[in-house]
PDB file of N, CA and C in Angstrom:
ATOM      1  N   LEU A   1      13.453   6.335 -24.195  1.00  0.00           N
ATOM      2  CA  LEU A   1      13.084   5.792 -23.587  1.00  0.00           C
ATOM      3  C   LEU A   1      13.694   4.769 -22.952  1.00  0.00           C
ATOM      4  N   ASP A   2      13.837   3.614 -23.432  1.00  0.00           N
ATOM      5  CA  ASP A   2      14.381   2.464 -23.179  1.00  0.00           C
ATOM      6  C   ASP A   2      16.120   2.680 -22.654  1.00  0.00           C
ATOM      7  N   THR A   3      16.519   3.538 -23.695  1.00  0.00           N
ATOM      8  CA  THR A   3      18.120   3.927 -23.059  1.00  0.00           C
ATOM      9  C   THR A   3      18.084   4.543 -21.887  1.00  0.00           C
ATOM     10  N   LEU A   4      17.174   5.248 -21.238  1.00  0.00           N
ATOM     11  CA  LEU A   4      17.442   6.063 -20.032  1.00  0.00           C
ATOM     12  C   LEU A   4      17.001   5.022 -18.963  1.00  0.00           C
ATOM     13  N   SER A   5      16.069   4.431 -19.482  1.00  0.00           N
ATOM     14  CA  SER A   5      15.548   3.485 -18.194  1.00  0.00           C
ATOM     15  C   SER A   5      17.063   2.221 -18.071  1.00  0.00           C
ATOM     16  N   ASN A   6      17.642   1.977 -19.187  1.00  0.00           N
ATOM     17  CA  ASN A   6      18.805   1.021 -18.638  1.00  0.00           C
ATOM     18  C   ASN A   6      19.571   1.725 -17.959  1.00  0.00           C
ATOM     19  N   TRP A   7      19.912   2.909 -18.567  1.00  0.00           N
ATOM     20  CA  TRP A   7      21.247   3.841 -17.866  1.00  0.00           C
ATOM     21  C   TRP A   7      20.913   3.806 -16.369  1.00  0.00           C
ATOM     22  N   LEU A   8      19.361   4.373 -16.109  1.00  0.00           N
ATOM     23  CA  LEU A   8      19.223   4.598 -14.516  1.00  0.00           C
ATOM     24  C   LEU A   8      19.012   3.189 -13.743  1.00  0.00           C
ATOM     25  N   ALA A   9      18.626   2.089 -14.292  1.00  0.00           N
ATOM     26  CA  ALA A   9      18.609   0.857 -13.737  1.00  0.00           C
ATOM     27  C   ALA A   9      19.995   0.338 -13.059  1.00  0.00           C
ATOM     28  N   LYS A  10      21.050   0.730 -13.988  1.00  0.00           N
ATOM     29  CA  LYS A  10      22.411   0.232 -13.594  1.00  0.00           C
ATOM     30  C   LYS A  10      22.831   1.200 -12.485  1.00  0.00           C
ATOM     31  N   ARG A  11      22.664   2.760 -12.291  1.00  0.00           N
ATOM     32  CA  ARG A  11      22.856   3.261 -11.492  1.00  0.00           C
ATOM     33  C   ARG A  11      22.183   3.308 -10.444  1.00  0.00           C
ATOM     34  N   LEU A  12      21.192   3.148 -10.150  1.00  0.00           N
ATOM     35  CA  LEU A  12      20.259   3.249  -9.211  1.00  0.00           C
ATOM     36  C   LEU A  12      20.005   2.121  -8.434  1.00  0.00           C
ATOM     37  N   THR A  13      20.527   1.165  -8.608  1.00  0.00           N
ATOM     38  CA  THR A  13      20.404  -0.122  -7.526  1.00  0.00           C
ATOM     39  C   THR A  13      20.869   0.137  -6.445  1.00  0.00           C
ATOM     40  N   TYR A  14      20.358  -0.926  -5.533  1.00  0.00           N
ATOM     41  CA  TYR A  14      20.973  -0.613  -4.300  1.00  0.00           C
ATOM     42  C   TYR A  14      22.416  -1.564  -4.097  1.00  0.00           C
ATOM     43  N   GLY A  15      23.224  -0.955  -3.065  1.00  0.00           N
ATOM     44  CA  GLY A  15      24.327  -1.646  -3.013  1.00  0.00           C
ATOM     45  C   GLY A  15      24.008  -2.997  -1.986  1.00  0.00           C
ATOM     46  N   PRO A  16      25.331  -3.774  -1.714  1.00  0.00           N
ATOM     47  CA  PRO A  16      25.181  -4.748  -0.721  1.00  0.00           C
ATOM     48  C   PRO A  16      24.667  -4.717   0.468  1.00  0.00           C
ATOM     49  N   ASN A  17      24.752  -3.269   1.292  1.00  0.00           N
ATOM     50  CA  ASN A  17      23.984  -3.051   2.414  1.00  0.00           C
ATOM     51  C   ASN A  17      23.119  -1.910   2.582  1.00  0.00           C
ATOM     52  N   GLU A  18      22.424  -2.048   1.286  1.00  0.00           N
ATOM     53  CA  GLU A  18      21.297  -0.737   1.304  1.00  0.00           C
ATOM     54  C   GLU A  18      20.151  -1.308   1.259  1.00  0.00           C
ATOM     55  N   ARG A  19      19.058  -0.527   1.660  1.00  0.00           N
ATOM     56  CA  ARG A  19      17.907  -1.111   1.430  1.00  0.00           C
ATOM     57  C   ARG A  19      17.089   0.204   1.560  1.00  0.00           C
ATOM     58  N   ASP A  20      15.788  -0.223   1.165  1.00  0.00           N
ATOM     59  CA  ASP A  20      14.573   1.272   1.100  1.00  0.00           C
ATOM     60  C   ASP A  20      13.819   0.915   2.458  1.00  0.00           C
ATOM     61  N   ILE A  21      12.962   1.879   2.426  1.00  0.00           N
ATOM     62  CA  ILE A  21      12.013   1.760   3.826  1.00  0.00           C
ATOM     63  C   ILE A  21      10.815   2.724   3.434  1.00  0.00           C
ATOM     64  N   VAL A  22       9.741   2.063   3.969  1.00  0.00           N
ATOM     65  CA  VAL A  22       8.352   2.709   3.744  1.00  0.00           C
ATOM     66  C   VAL A  22       8.017   3.118   4.881  1.00  0.00           C
ATOM     67  N   ILE A  23       7.439   4.615   5.276  1.00  0.00           N
ATOM     68  CA  ILE A  23       7.012   5.004   6.387  1.00  0.00           C
ATOM     69  C   ILE A  23       5.545   5.843   6.194  1.00  0.00           C
ATOM     70  N   LEU A  24       4.590   5.041   7.014  1.00  0.00           N
ATOM     71  CA  LEU A  24       3.391   5.787   6.890  1.00  0.00           C
ATOM     72  C   LEU A  24       2.804   6.164   8.302  1.00  0.00           C
ATOM     73  N   HIS A  25       2.161   7.298   8.362  1.00  0.00           N
ATOM     74  CA  HIS A  25       1.503   7.761   9.650  1.00  0.00           C
ATOM     75  C   HIS A  25       0.114   8.234   9.208  1.00  0.00           C
ATOM     76  N   HIS A  26      -0.836   7.627   9.755  1.00  0.00           N
ATOM     77  CA  HIS A  26      -2.388   8.294   9.309  1.00  0.00           C
ATOM     78  C   HIS A  26      -2.839   8.658  10.488  1.00  0.00           C
ATOM     79  N   GLN A  27      -3.540   9.739  10.695  1.00  0.00           N
ATOM     80  CA  GLN A  27      -4.290  10.227  11.627  1.00  0.00           C
ATOM     81  C   GLN A  27      -5.665  10.379  11.321  1.00  0.00           C
ATOM     82  N   VAL A  28      -6.906   9.628  11.749  1.00  0.00           N
ATOM     83  CA  VAL A  28      -8.225   9.752  11.332  1.00  0.00           C
ATOM     84  C   VAL A  28      -9.268  10.118  12.291  1.00  0.00           C
ATOM     85  N   GLY A  29     -10.060  11.183  12.150  1.00  0.00           N
ATOM     86  CA  GLY A  29     -11.000  11.776  13.193  1.00  0.00           C
ATOM     87  C   GLY A  29     -12.051  10.806  12.862  1.00  0.00           C
ATOM     88  N   VAL A  30     -12.427   9.948  14.004  1.00  0.00           N
ATOM     89  CA  VAL A  30     -13.883   8.954  13.765  1.00  0.00           C
ATOM     90  C   VAL A  30     -15.023   9.834  14.775  1.00  0.00           C
ATOM     91  N   THR A  31     -16.109   9.651  14.088  1.00  0.00           N
ATOM     92  CA  THR A  31     -17.276   9.882  14.823  1.00  0.00           C
ATOM     93  C   THR A  31     -18.086   8.750  14.826  1.00  0.00           C
ATOM     94  N   TRP A  32     -18.229   8.058  16.160  1.00  0.00           N
ATOM     95  CA  TRP A  32     -19.329   6.769  16.205  1.00  0.00           C
ATOM     96  C   TRP A  32     -20.930   7.413  16.436  1.00  0.00           C
ATOM     97  N   PRO A  33     -21.649   6.445  15.574  1.00  0.00           N
ATOM     98  CA  PRO A  33     -23.151   7.030  15.379  1.00  0.00           C
ATOM     99  C   PRO A  33     -23.803   6.709  16.860  1.00  0.00           C
ATOM    100  N   SER A  34     -23.074   6.156  17.801  1.00  0.00           N
ATOM    101  CA  SER A  34     -23.714   5.952  19.338  1.00  0.00           C
ATOM    102  C   SER A  34     -23.132   6.863  19.989  1.00  0.00           C
ATOM    103  N   VAL A  35     -22.401   7.885  19.842  1.00  0.00           N
ATOM    104  CA  VAL A  35     -21.921   8.758  20.610  1.00  0.00           C
ATOM    105  C   VAL A  35     -22.008  10.252  20.019  1.00  0.00           C
ATOM    106  N   SER A  36     -22.253  11.126  21.195  1.00  0.00           N
ATOM    107  CA  SER A  36     -22.438  12.788  20.651  1.00  0.00           C
ATOM    108  C   SER A  36     -21.444  12.867  19.638  1.00  0.00           C
ATOM    109  N   ARG A  37     -22.527  13.668  18.424  1.00  0.00           N
ATOM    110  CA  ARG A  37     -21.800  13.961  17.239  1.00  0.00           C
ATOM    111  C   ARG A  37     -20.535  14.814  17.689  1.00  0.00           C
ATOM    112  N   THR A  38     -20.471  15.599  18.645  1.00  0.00           N
ATOM    113  CA  THR A  38     -19.341  16.669  18.834  1.00  0.00           C
ATOM    114  C   THR A  38     -18.171  15.946  19.354  1.00  0.00           C
ATOM    115  N   GLU A  39     -18.042  14.724  19.578  1.00  0.00           N
ATOM    116  CA  GLU A  39     -16.971  14.145  20.231  1.00  0.00           C
ATOM    117  C   GLU A  39     -16.495  13.177  18.892  1.00  0.00           C
ATOM    118  N   LYS A  40     -15.460  13.548  18.758  1.00  0.00           N
ATOM    119  CA  LYS A  40     -14.602  12.991  17.652  1.00  0.00           C
ATOM    120  C   LYS A  40     -13.443  12.111  18.403  1.00  0.00           C
ATOM    121  N   GLU A  41     -13.088  10.678  17.975  1.00  0.00           N
ATOM    122  CA  GLU A  41     -11.909  10.124  18.412  1.00  0.00           C
ATOM    123  C   GLU A  41     -10.815   9.977  17.589  1.00  0.00           C
ATOM    124  N   LEU A  42      -9.994  10.256  17.792  1.00  0.00           N
ATOM    125  CA  LEU A  42      -8.540  10.362  16.910  1.00  0.00           C
ATOM    126  C   LEU A  42      -7.950   8.839  16.991  1.00  0.00           C
ATOM    127  N   LYS A  43      -7.928   8.313  15.775  1.00  0.00           N
ATOM    128  CA  LYS A  43      -7.089   7.078  15.572  1.00  0.00           C
ATOM    129  C   LYS A  43      -6.128   7.200  14.907  1.00  0.00           C
ATOM    130  N   THR A  44      -4.897   6.654  15.310  1.00  0.00           N
ATOM    131  CA  THR A  44      -3.713   6.754  14.734  1.00  0.00           C
ATOM    132  C   THR A  44      -3.046   5.403  14.518  1.00  0.00           C
ATOM    133  N   ILE A  45      -2.602   5.143  13.094  1.00  0.00           N
ATOM    134  CA  ILE A  45      -2.025   3.943  12.519  1.00  0.00           C
ATOM    135  C   ILE A  45      -0.533   4.186  11.913  1.00  0.00           C
ATOM    136  N   ASP A  46       0.539   3.633  12.284  1.00  0.00           N
ATOM    137  CA  ASP A  46       1.772   3.488  11.942  1.00  0.00           C
ATOM    138  C   ASP A  46       1.935   2.304  11.280  1.00  0.00           C
ATOM    139  N   MET A  47       2.784   2.587  10.334  1.00  0.00           N
ATOM    140  CA  MET A  47       3.473   1.451   9.509  1.00  0.00           C
ATOM    141  C   MET A  47       4.697   1.614   8.881  1.00  0.00           C
ATOM    142  N   VAL A  48       5.696   0.863   9.459  1.00  0.00           N
ATOM    143  CA  VAL A  48       7.205   1.098   8.855  1.00  0.00           C
ATOM    144  C   VAL A  48       7.778  -0.579   8.207  1.00  0.00           C
ATOM    145  N   ILE A  49       7.815  -0.549   6.935  1.00  0.00           N
ATOM    146  CA  ILE A  49       7.973  -1.708   6.241  1.00  0.00           C
ATOM    147  C   ILE A  49       9.669  -1.311   5.395  1.00  0.00           C
ATOM    148  N   TYR A  50      10.611  -2.461   5.686  1.00  0.00           N
ATOM    149  CA  TYR A  50      11.726  -2.481   5.480  1.00  0.00           C
ATOM    150  C   TYR A  50      12.074  -3.185   4.121  1.00  0.00           C
ATOM    151  N   GLY A  51      12.510  -2.682   3.205  1.00  0.00           N
ATOM    152  CA  GLY A  51      13.089  -3.700   1.916  1.00  0.00           C
ATOM    153  C   GLY A  51      14.051  -4.739   2.314  1.00  0.00           C
ATOM    154  N   ASP A  52      14.315  -6.029   1.572  1.00  0.00           N
ATOM    155  CA  ASP A  52      15.291  -6.842   1.809  1.00  0.00           C
ATOM    156  C   ASP A  52      15.781  -7.100   0.451  1.00  0.00           C
ATOM    157  N   GLN A  53      16.538  -7.803   0.464  1.00  0.00           N
ATOM    158  CA  GLN A  53      17.516  -8.229  -0.778  1.00  0.00           C
ATOM    159  C   GLN A  53      16.549  -8.924  -1.992  1.00  0.00           C
ATOM    160  N   LYS A  54      15.474  -9.536  -1.429  1.00  0.00           N
ATOM    161  CA  LYS A  54      14.233 -10.031  -2.780  1.00  0.00           C
ATOM    162  C   LYS A  54      13.194  -8.970  -3.079  1.00  0.00           C
ATOM    163  N   HIS A  55      12.773  -8.426  -2.048  1.00  0.00           N
ATOM    164  CA  HIS A  55      11.656  -7.123  -2.353  1.00  0.00           C
ATOM    165  C   HIS A  55      11.949  -5.795  -1.578  1.00  0.00           C
ATOM    166  N   SER A  56      11.717  -4.770  -2.399  1.00  0.00           N
ATOM    167  CA  SER A  56      11.741  -3.351  -1.968  1.00  0.00           C
ATOM    168  C   SER A  56      10.706  -3.212  -1.151  1.00  0.00           C
ATOM    169  N   ALA A  57      10.741  -2.350  -0.187  1.00  0.00           N
ATOM    170  CA  ALA A  57       9.662  -2.085   0.637  1.00  0.00           C
ATOM    171  C   ALA A  57       8.469  -1.353  -0.303  1.00  0.00           C
ATOM    172  N   MET A  58       8.632  -0.819  -1.375  1.00  0.00           N
ATOM    173  CA  MET A  58       7.992  -0.229  -2.289  1.00  0.00           C
ATOM    174  C   MET A  58       7.164  -1.148  -2.673  1.00  0.00           C
ATOM    175  N   ALA A  59       7.750  -2.316  -3.398  1.00  0.00           N
ATOM    176  CA  ALA A  59       7.119  -3.276  -3.686  1.00  0.00           C
ATOM    177  C   ALA A  59       6.419  -4.116  -2.912  1.00  0.00           C
ATOM    178  N   LYS A  60       6.663  -4.297  -1.750  1.00  0.00           N
ATOM    179  CA  LYS A  60       5.980  -4.995  -0.682  1.00  0.00           C
ATOM    180  C   LYS A  60       4.545  -4.077  -0.229  1.00  0.00           C
ATOM    181  N   THR A  61       4.684  -3.033  -0.409  1.00  0.00           N
ATOM    182  CA  THR A  61       3.746  -1.855  -0.041  1.00  0.00           C
ATOM    183  C   THR A  61       2.422  -1.742  -1.309  1.00  0.00           C
ATOM    184  N   VAL A  62       3.294  -1.716  -2.395  1.00  0.00           N
ATOM    185  CA  VAL A  62       2.242  -1.339  -3.548  1.00  0.00           C
ATOM    186  C   VAL A  62       2.077  -2.343  -4.565  1.00  0.00           C
ATOM    187  N   GLY A  63       3.200  -2.829  -4.977  1.00  0.00           N
ATOM    188  CA  GLY A  63       2.962  -3.895  -5.514  1.00  0.00           C
ATOM    189  C   GLY A  63       2.570  -5.112  -5.480  1.00  0.00           C
ATOM    190  N   LEU A  64       2.699  -5.810  -4.233  1.00  0.00           N
ATOM    191  CA  LEU A  64       1.847  -6.740  -3.628  1.00  0.00           C
ATOM    192  C   LEU A  64       0.681  -6.901  -3.337  1.00  0.00           C
ATOM    193  N   PRO A  65       0.026  -5.453  -2.654  1.00  0.00           N
ATOM    194  CA  PRO A  65      -1.541  -5.677  -2.842  1.00  0.00           C
ATOM    195  C   PRO A  65      -2.149  -5.341  -4.071  1.00  0.00           C
ATOM    196  N   ALA A  66      -1.529  -4.976  -4.906  1.00  0.00           N
ATOM    197  CA  ALA A  66      -1.987  -4.960  -6.620  1.00  0.00           C
ATOM    198  C   ALA A  66      -1.986  -6.162  -7.130  1.00  0.00           C
ATOM    199  N   ALA A  67      -0.977  -6.946  -6.764  1.00  0.00           N
ATOM    200  CA  ALA A  67      -1.148  -8.430  -7.476  1.00  0.00           C
ATOM    201  C   ALA A  67      -2.126  -8.990  -6.932  1.00  0.00           C
ATOM    202  N   ILE A  68      -2.251  -9.018  -5.435  1.00  0.00           N
ATOM    203  CA  ILE A  68      -3.608  -9.666  -4.843  1.00  0.00           C
ATOM    204  C   ILE A  68      -4.739  -9.366  -5.309  1.00  0.00           C
ATOM    205  N   ALA A  69      -4.844  -8.093  -5.725  1.00  0.00           N
ATOM    206  CA  ALA A  69      -6.485  -7.729  -6.032  1.00  0.00           C
ATOM    207  C   ALA A  69      -6.825  -8.101  -7.405  1.00  0.00           C
ATOM    208  N   THR A  70      -5.368  -7.864  -8.244  1.00  0.00           N
ATOM    209  CA  THR A  70      -5.771  -8.558  -9.104  1.00  0.00           C
ATOM    210  C   THR A  70      -6.064 -10.132  -9.457  1.00  0.00           C
ATOM    211  N   GLN A  71      -5.190 -10.707  -8.706  1.00  0.00           N
ATOM    212  CA  GLN A  71      -5.766 -12.173  -8.755  1.00  0.00           C
ATOM    213  C   GLN A  71      -7.053 -12.773  -8.095  1.00  0.00           C
ATOM    214  N   MET A  72      -7.175 -11.967  -7.060  1.00  0.00           N
ATOM    215  CA  MET A  72      -8.625 -11.886  -6.572  1.00  0.00           C
ATOM    216  C   MET A  72      -9.744 -11.487  -7.480  1.00  0.00           C
ATOM    217  N   LEU A  73      -9.703 -10.442  -8.708  1.00  0.00           N
ATOM    218  CA  LEU A  73     -10.541 -10.347  -9.660  1.00  0.00           C
ATOM    219  C   LEU A  73     -10.318 -11.479 -10.764  1.00  0.00           C
ATOM    220  N   LEU A  74      -9.639 -11.908 -11.077  1.00  0.00           N
ATOM    221  CA  LEU A  74      -9.072 -12.959 -11.904  1.00  0.00           C
ATOM    222  C   LEU A  74     -10.217 -14.141 -11.501  1.00  0.00           C
ATOM    223  N   ASP A  75      -9.977 -14.562 -10.016  1.00  0.00           N
ATOM    224  CA  ASP A  75     -10.635 -15.682  -9.527  1.00  0.00           C
ATOM    225  C   ASP A  75     -12.170 -14.965  -9.070  1.00  0.00           C
ATOM    226  N   ASN A  76     -12.722 -14.122  -9.494  1.00  0.00           N
ATOM    227  CA  ASN A  76     -13.944 -13.533  -9.384  1.00  0.00           C
ATOM    228  C   ASN A  76     -14.526 -13.807  -7.819  1.00  0.00           C
ATOM    229  N   GLU A  77     -13.608 -13.339  -7.031  1.00  0.00           N
ATOM    230  CA  GLU A  77     -13.539 -12.985  -5.420  1.00  0.00           C
ATOM    231  C   GLU A  77     -14.084 -11.687  -5.500  1.00  0.00           C
ATOM    232  N   ILE A  78     -13.964 -10.666  -6.277  1.00  0.00           N
ATOM    233  CA  ILE A  78     -14.166  -9.404  -6.252  1.00  0.00           C
ATOM    234  C   ILE A  78     -15.445  -8.956  -7.411  1.00  0.00           C
ATOM    235  N   TYR A  79     -16.335  -8.878  -7.086  1.00  0.00           N
ATOM    236  CA  TYR A  79     -17.587  -8.302  -8.410  1.00  0.00           C
ATOM    237  C   TYR A  79     -17.741  -7.184  -8.316  1.00  0.00           C
ATOM    238  N   GLU A  80     -17.136  -6.146  -7.656  1.00  0.00           N
ATOM    239  CA  GLU A  80     -17.172  -4.692  -8.280  1.00  0.00           C
ATOM    240  C   GLU A  80     -16.485  -4.374  -9.363  1.00  0.00           C
ATOM    241  N   ARG A  81     -16.842  -3.436 -10.021  1.00  0.00           N
ATOM    242  CA  ARG A  81     -15.981  -2.869 -10.813  1.00  0.00           C
ATOM    243  C   ARG A  81     -15.847  -1.703 -10.934  1.00  0.00           C
ATOM    244  N   GLY A  82     -15.015  -1.001 -11.924  1.00  0.00           N
ATOM    245  CA  GLY A  82     -14.582   0.536 -11.723  1.00  0.00           C
ATOM    246  C   GLY A  82     -13.672   0.726 -10.582  1.00  0.00           C
ATOM    247  N   VAL A  83     -13.655   1.742 -10.222  1.00  0.00           N
ATOM    248  CA  VAL A  83     -12.927   2.518  -9.067  1.00  0.00           C
ATOM    249  C   VAL A  83     -13.798   1.970  -7.692  1.00  0.00           C
ATOM    250  N   VAL A  84     -13.005   1.390  -6.830  1.00  0.00           N
ATOM    251  CA  VAL A  84     -13.797   0.521  -5.926  1.00  0.00           C
ATOM    252  C   VAL A  84     -12.669   0.783  -4.420  1.00  0.00           C
ATOM    253  N   VAL A  85     -13.493   1.422  -3.481  1.00  0.00           N
ATOM    254  CA  VAL A  85     -12.555   1.891  -2.351  1.00  0.00           C
ATOM    255  C   VAL A  85     -12.832   0.658  -1.647  1.00  0.00           C
ATOM    256  N   PRO A  86     -11.344   0.578  -0.677  1.00  0.00           N
ATOM    257  CA  PRO A  86     -11.242  -0.767   0.085  1.00  0.00           C
ATOM    258  C   PRO A  86     -12.174  -0.573   1.225  1.00  0.00           C
ATOM    259  N   LEU A  87     -13.403  -0.289   1.209  1.00  0.00           N
ATOM    260  CA  LEU A  87     -14.226  -0.251   2.537  1.00  0.00           C
ATOM    261  C   LEU A  87     -14.923  -1.447   2.659  1.00  0.00           C
ATOM    262  N   LYS A  88     -15.275  -1.907   1.408  1.00  0.00           N
ATOM    263  CA  LYS A  88     -16.242  -3.037   1.563  1.00  0.00           C
ATOM    264  C   LYS A  88     -15.553  -4.216   1.961  1.00  0.00           C
ATOM    265  N   ARG A  89     -16.282  -5.056   2.792  1.00  0.00           N
ATOM    266  CA  ARG A  89     -15.627  -6.615   3.436  1.00  0.00           C
ATOM    267  C   ARG A  89     -15.317  -7.575   1.998  1.00  0.00           C
ATOM    268  N   THR A  90     -15.469  -7.345   0.765  1.00  0.00           N
ATOM    269  CA  THR A  90     -15.235  -8.262  -0.224  1.00  0.00           C
ATOM    270  C   THR A  90     -13.658  -7.735  -0.714  1.00  0.00           C
ATOM    271  N   ILE A  91     -13.398  -6.514  -0.662  1.00  0.00           N
ATOM    272  CA  ILE A  91     -12.058  -6.184  -0.760  1.00  0.00           C
ATOM    273  C   ILE A  91     -11.108  -6.068   0.535  1.00  0.00           C
ATOM    274  N   TYR A  92     -11.293  -5.817   1.670  1.00  0.00           N
ATOM    275  CA  TYR A  92     -10.461  -5.923   2.785  1.00  0.00           C
ATOM    276  C   TYR A  92     -10.569  -7.251   3.186  1.00  0.00           C
TER     277      TYR A  92
END
């Protein structure tokens, strides 16, 4: 596995003028408690992140948030344990 990893790392690096991109498009149907339950509001969220010479787009969108969450756990800023969805104020 190490040999394969080393071989791939040499051949799959970005060239001088190359970079990666992460494109996310989310559509979420929202039903507000104060509005008729038959009416849904459609919310759309788009995100486009480009990599640069220092960090890939994948590192920015996956690695950095994971590192921040890990630091928050170590600093006891997050008290929940186990699988925690990012819907609580302590998380986001």
